[in-house]
Amino acid sequence: MRGKEISYVFQDPLSALNPTLTIGRHADIRAAIDAKAVVIQGTVTGNVTAREKVEIQTTGSVAGDVSSPRLAIADGASIKGKVHVQQS
């Protein structure tokens, strides 16, 4: 997958080729995500794993587990799942 923003529905495991994967504001992702860094502005249903950082912006939501060395959650964002912030 190439590009900086996703605005489609996926239902299979998703891996980013770019350093930062941005889930757009209107996106509804139903997949496990594994990337270097992830910015979530839309909806993700599935586990999110990042090797550097996960950032969930105001319009973002995750229904699944989040695992990353760094996690930023804006006011208004939501997570329904477990959060694991591990040392890198």
Protein backbone atom coordinates (compact mmCIF):
# COMPACT_ATOMS: atom_id res chain seq x y z
CA MET A 1 0.00 0.00 0.00
CA ARG A 2 1.38 3.39 -0.95
CA GLY A 3 0.15 6.86 -0.08
CA LYS A 4 -0.30 8.89 3.06
CA GLU A 5 -4.02 8.64 3.80
CA ILE A 6 -6.53 5.81 3.65
CA SER A 7 -10.22 6.37 3.05
CA TYR A 8 -11.37 2.86 2.16
CA VAL A 9 -12.73 -0.14 4.03
CA PHE A 10 -10.24 -3.03 4.51
CA GLN A 11 -11.02 -6.34 6.14
CA ASP A 12 -7.62 -8.05 6.03
CA PRO A 13 -4.37 -7.41 7.94
CA LEU A 14 -2.88 -4.11 6.82
CA SER A 15 0.82 -3.21 6.77
CA ALA A 16 2.15 0.18 5.81
CA LEU A 17 5.07 0.65 3.44
CA ASN A 18 5.42 4.31 4.40
CA PRO A 19 6.93 5.42 7.73
CA THR A 20 3.65 6.97 8.93
CA LEU A 21 0.24 5.50 8.15
CA THR A 22 -2.57 8.06 8.41
CA ILE A 23 -6.13 6.81 8.75
CA GLY A 24 -8.26 9.64 7.32
CA ARG A 25 -11.15 11.32 9.10
CA HIS A 26 -13.84 9.53 7.04
CA ALA A 27 -12.12 6.13 6.94
CA ASP A 28 -13.65 3.02 8.51
CA ILE A 29 -10.87 0.44 8.77
CA ARG A 30 -11.67 -3.14 9.83
CA ALA A 31 -8.23 -4.70 9.97
CA ALA A 32 -5.16 -5.25 12.12
CA ILE A 33 -2.66 -2.43 11.53
CA ASP A 34 1.11 -2.80 11.87
CA ALA A 35 3.29 0.18 10.92
CA LYS A 36 6.23 2.29 12.04
CA ALA A 37 3.92 5.13 13.13
CA VAL A 38 0.13 5.48 12.95
CA VAL A 39 -2.07 8.60 13.00
CA ILE A 40 -5.77 7.85 13.43
CA GLN A 41 -8.36 10.45 12.47
CA GLY A 42 -11.15 8.00 11.53
CA THR A 43 -12.43 4.68 12.86
CA VAL A 44 -10.33 1.54 13.31
CA THR A 45 -11.80 -1.81 14.32
CA GLY A 46 -8.86 -4.10 14.97
CA ASN A 47 -5.56 -4.12 16.82
CA VAL A 48 -3.07 -1.32 16.15
CA THR A 49 0.68 -1.95 16.55
CA ALA A 50 3.31 0.71 15.90
CA ARG A 51 7.07 0.44 16.29
CA GLU A 52 7.43 4.16 17.17
CA LYS A 53 4.15 5.98 17.93
CA VAL A 54 0.35 5.85 17.76
CA GLU A 55 -1.50 9.17 17.68
CA ILE A 56 -5.29 9.17 17.99
CA GLN A 57 -6.66 12.57 17.04
CA THR A 58 -9.93 14.18 18.20
CA THR A 59 -12.06 12.50 15.52
CA GLY A 60 -10.31 9.12 15.88
CA SER A 61 -11.47 5.95 17.56
CA VAL A 62 -10.05 2.44 18.01
CA ALA A 63 -12.02 -0.68 18.93
CA GLY A 64 -9.12 -3.04 19.58
CA ASP A 65 -5.83 -3.26 21.41
CA VAL A 66 -3.15 -0.60 20.92
CA SER A 67 0.56 -1.41 21.33
CA SER A 68 3.37 1.12 20.86
CA PRO A 69 6.33 2.67 22.73
CA ARG A 70 4.59 6.08 22.51
CA LEU A 71 0.87 6.90 22.55
CA ALA A 72 -0.86 10.27 22.14
CA ILE A 73 -4.62 10.55 22.64
CA ALA A 74 -6.40 13.83 21.93
CA ASP A 75 -9.44 15.05 23.87
CA GLY A 76 -12.50 13.49 22.24
CA ALA A 77 -10.66 10.45 20.89
CA SER A 78 -11.59 6.98 22.13
CA ILE A 79 -10.09 3.53 22.67
CA LYS A 80 -12.13 0.44 23.48
CA GLY A 81 -9.51 -2.21 24.17
CA LYS A 82 -6.25 -2.78 25.98
CA VAL A 83 -3.33 -0.36 25.78
CA HIS A 84 0.24 -1.61 25.99
CA VAL A 85 3.00 1.00 26.00
CA GLN A 86 6.24 -0.97 25.83
CA GLN A 87 9.80 0.27 25.92
CA SER A 88 11.50 0.36 22.53
